[in-house]
Amino acid sequence: MNNGSTPMFKDINIYDLFVWMHYYVSRDTLLGGSDIWRDVDFAHEAPGFLPWHRLFLLLWEQEIQELTGDENFTIPYWDWRDAENCDICTDEYLGGRHPENPNLLSPASFFSSW
């Protein structure tokens, strides 16, 4: 798109649109004028990871409902409401607790630097 100055359009399907949205959100951020922020992927390397992906999956789910004509179609998810423990709060998934400070993630977790 030449940084948005020359938009181009192509006839694509819904899946291609969602692939493009997921790709484009991780690109450099245009701050206005010639200022570009290249240091962070806001959808994957920042606090916006969970809310952005939650919205992304909600929109994708709605498109699948419309395409299939099944308004009851849902993307499976884990219902956290009645969970007493976080089964996925391990270094393998989201990050376990720091052994010395329970308010921090384990240093072995990929997400510990967040």
Protein backbone atom coordinates (compact mmCIF):
# COMPACT_ATOMS: atom_id res chain seq x y z
CA MET A 1 0.00 0.00 0.00
CA ASN A 2 3.01 2.33 -0.01
CA ASN A 3 2.33 3.25 3.63
CA GLY A 4 -1.34 3.89 2.90
CA SER A 5 -0.77 6.50 0.23
CA THR A 6 -1.81 4.30 -2.69
CA PRO A 7 -4.44 1.77 -1.55
CA MET A 8 -4.90 -1.24 -3.80
CA PHE A 9 -7.82 -3.67 -3.74
CA LYS A 10 -8.12 -7.27 -4.83
CA ASP A 11 -11.07 -9.63 -4.96
CA ILE A 12 -10.35 -12.03 -2.08
CA ASN A 13 -12.31 -14.43 0.09
CA ILE A 14 -13.11 -13.94 3.79
CA TYR A 15 -10.33 -16.31 4.90
CA ASP A 16 -7.74 -14.31 2.94
CA LEU A 17 -9.05 -11.12 4.57
CA PHE A 18 -8.58 -12.56 8.06
CA VAL A 19 -5.09 -13.81 7.19
CA TRP A 20 -4.24 -10.32 5.93
CA MET A 21 -5.66 -8.62 9.06
CA HIS A 22 -3.61 -10.89 11.31
CA TYR A 23 -0.49 -10.23 9.24
CA TYR A 24 -1.03 -6.48 8.93
CA VAL A 25 -1.57 -5.87 12.66
CA SER A 26 1.98 -7.09 13.33
CA ARG A 27 3.58 -4.68 10.85
CA ASP A 28 5.28 -1.39 11.64
CA THR A 29 3.00 1.24 13.16
CA LEU A 30 2.53 4.51 11.29
CA LEU A 31 2.48 7.36 13.80
CA GLY A 32 1.66 10.13 11.33
CA GLY A 33 3.81 12.02 8.89
CA SER A 34 7.00 10.09 8.33
CA ASP A 35 7.19 8.72 11.89
CA ILE A 36 7.15 4.91 12.05
CA TRP A 37 7.40 2.76 15.16
CA ARG A 38 9.29 -0.42 14.31
CA ASP A 39 10.05 -1.56 17.85
CA VAL A 40 6.89 -3.45 18.87
CA ASP A 41 4.24 -5.67 17.39
CA PHE A 42 1.22 -4.33 19.29
CA ALA A 43 -0.94 -7.42 18.68
CA HIS A 44 1.68 -9.95 19.78
CA GLU A 45 4.35 -8.28 21.90
CA ALA A 46 2.29 -5.99 24.09
CA PRO A 47 -0.64 -5.98 26.53
CA GLY A 48 -3.06 -5.87 23.60
CA PHE A 49 -2.37 -9.54 22.76
CA LEU A 50 -5.40 -11.04 24.49
CA PRO A 51 -8.03 -8.36 23.75
CA TRP A 52 -6.95 -8.04 20.11
CA HIS A 53 -7.09 -11.78 19.50
CA ARG A 54 -10.38 -12.08 21.38
CA LEU A 55 -11.96 -9.52 19.04
CA PHE A 56 -10.29 -11.11 16.01
CA LEU A 57 -11.74 -14.54 16.88
CA LEU A 58 -15.17 -13.05 17.63
CA LEU A 59 -15.27 -11.42 14.18
CA TRP A 60 -14.07 -14.64 12.56
CA GLU A 61 -16.74 -16.60 14.41
CA GLN A 62 -19.43 -14.16 13.20
CA GLU A 63 -18.24 -14.53 9.60
CA ILE A 64 -18.38 -18.34 9.87
CA GLN A 65 -21.91 -18.08 11.30
CA GLU A 66 -22.96 -15.93 8.34
CA LEU A 67 -21.27 -18.17 5.76
CA THR A 68 -22.76 -21.38 7.19
CA GLY A 69 -26.14 -19.92 8.11
CA ASP A 70 -25.66 -21.43 11.58
CA GLU A 71 -26.10 -18.70 14.18
CA ASN A 72 -25.25 -21.21 16.93
CA PHE A 73 -21.77 -21.96 15.57
CA THR A 74 -19.04 -21.07 18.07
CA ILE A 75 -15.29 -21.42 18.20
CA PRO A 76 -14.46 -23.64 21.19
CA TYR A 77 -12.89 -21.88 24.17
CA TRP A 78 -12.06 -22.58 27.77
CA ASP A 79 -14.66 -21.20 30.18
CA TRP A 80 -12.65 -19.46 32.93
CA ARG A 81 -15.64 -18.39 35.05
CA ASP A 82 -15.68 -21.29 37.52
CA ALA A 83 -11.98 -22.18 37.40
CA GLU A 84 -10.34 -22.37 40.81
CA ASN A 85 -6.86 -22.69 39.32
CA CYS A 86 -5.25 -21.63 36.07
CA ASP A 87 -4.49 -24.91 34.33
CA ILE A 88 -2.68 -23.15 31.49
CA CYS A 89 -0.58 -20.88 33.74
CA THR A 90 2.59 -22.87 33.14
CA ASP A 91 5.85 -21.90 31.46
CA GLU A 92 4.83 -24.07 28.52
CA TYR A 93 1.71 -21.98 27.83
CA LEU A 94 1.31 -18.55 29.45
CA GLY A 95 3.88 -18.61 32.22
CA GLY A 96 3.95 -19.93 35.76
CA ARG A 97 4.59 -17.85 38.86
CA HIS A 98 8.03 -16.53 39.69
CA PRO A 99 9.51 -18.70 42.48
CA GLU A 100 10.42 -15.65 44.59
CA ASN A 101 7.70 -13.16 43.64
CA PRO A 102 4.20 -14.52 42.91
CA ASN A 103 3.26 -11.21 41.26
CA LEU A 104 5.70 -11.90 38.42
CA LEU A 105 5.89 -14.60 35.79
CA SER A 106 8.52 -17.30 35.97
CA PRO A 107 11.79 -16.23 34.30
CA ALA A 108 11.54 -19.45 32.24
CA SER A 109 8.34 -18.21 30.58
CA PHE A 110 8.47 -16.67 27.11
CA PHE A 111 6.19 -13.93 28.45
CA SER A 112 8.33 -13.05 31.50
CA SER A 113 9.64 -9.87 29.85
CA TRP A 114 6.12 -8.47 29.43
